[in-house]
Amino acid sequence: MLTDDRPIDHFHINKSDIMHYFHAGSPVLYLVFDPNGTLQKFKLGMDLAKGETPQILPVVTGKLRS
């Protein structure tokens, strides 16, 4: 979980599928690398007009993400 004390997470690989939700606060930039090294960027937030999304569904197992 990102907090004011820990606003940056580190790249990691999940062992199972996982869904990420935006709950409150400032938007969050979410980076996902697929196994071929292609970078995908998502902005978790509630302002759909600015291209933000309230959830990432699904984030596939085996992708590097932060």
Protein backbone atom coordinates (compact mmCIF):
# COMPACT_ATOMS: atom_id res chain seq x y z
CA MET A 1 0.00 0.00 0.00
CA LEU A 2 1.27 3.47 -0.85
CA THR A 3 1.15 6.03 1.95
CA ASP A 4 2.56 9.51 2.66
CA ASP A 5 5.44 7.80 4.48
CA ARG A 6 5.99 5.32 1.62
CA PRO A 7 4.89 7.01 -1.64
CA ILE A 8 7.04 4.82 -3.94
CA ASP A 9 6.91 1.04 -4.31
CA HIS A 10 9.61 -1.15 -5.86
CA PHE A 11 9.38 -3.36 -8.93
CA HIS A 12 8.21 -6.87 -8.09
CA ILE A 13 6.52 -9.93 -9.65
CA ASN A 14 3.32 -11.30 -8.12
CA LYS A 15 2.91 -15.07 -7.85
CA SER A 16 -0.83 -14.88 -8.56
CA ASP A 17 -3.22 -12.62 -10.47
CA ILE A 18 -4.11 -9.45 -8.62
CA MET A 19 -6.45 -6.49 -9.11
CA HIS A 20 -5.43 -3.01 -8.01
CA TYR A 21 -8.01 -0.43 -6.89
CA PHE A 22 -7.74 3.30 -6.34
CA HIS A 23 -9.36 4.22 -3.01
CA ALA A 24 -8.55 7.86 -2.22
CA GLY A 25 -5.88 10.52 -2.36
CA SER A 26 -3.66 11.64 -5.21
CA PRO A 27 -3.47 9.67 -8.48
CA VAL A 28 -0.84 6.92 -8.69
CA LEU A 29 1.33 6.13 -11.73
CA TYR A 30 1.51 2.34 -12.13
CA LEU A 31 4.15 0.77 -14.41
CA VAL A 32 3.93 -2.78 -15.79
CA PHE A 33 6.58 -4.56 -17.90
CA ASP A 34 5.40 -7.64 -19.79
CA PRO A 35 7.77 -10.63 -20.26
CA ASN A 36 8.98 -9.11 -23.58
CA GLY A 37 9.99 -5.88 -21.84
CA THR A 38 7.13 -3.74 -23.18
CA LEU A 39 6.24 -0.98 -20.72
CA GLN A 40 2.60 -0.17 -19.96
CA LYS A 41 1.64 2.88 -17.88
CA PHE A 42 -1.59 3.23 -15.94
CA LYS A 43 -2.70 6.17 -13.82
CA LEU A 44 -4.90 5.02 -10.96
CA GLY A 45 -7.32 7.75 -9.93
CA MET A 46 -10.91 8.90 -10.21
CA ASP A 47 -10.63 11.58 -12.94
CA LEU A 48 -11.64 9.60 -16.04
CA ALA A 49 -11.55 12.76 -18.19
CA LYS A 50 -7.78 12.98 -17.50
CA GLY A 51 -7.22 9.35 -18.48
CA GLU A 52 -7.17 8.00 -14.94
CA THR A 53 -8.72 4.65 -14.11
CA PRO A 54 -10.12 3.51 -10.73
CA GLN A 55 -8.79 -0.04 -11.18
CA ILE A 56 -6.45 -2.22 -13.19
CA LEU A 57 -8.19 -5.45 -14.16
CA PRO A 58 -6.53 -7.86 -14.44
CA VAL A 59 -2.82 -7.55 -13.85
CA VAL A 60 -1.44 -10.80 -15.21
CA THR A 61 0.90 -13.00 -13.18
CA GLY A 62 4.53 -12.95 -14.28
CA LYS A 63 4.72 -9.27 -15.24
CA LEU A 64 7.20 -6.98 -13.56
CA ARG A 65 5.41 -4.03 -11.96
CA SER A 66 5.84 -1.12 -9.61
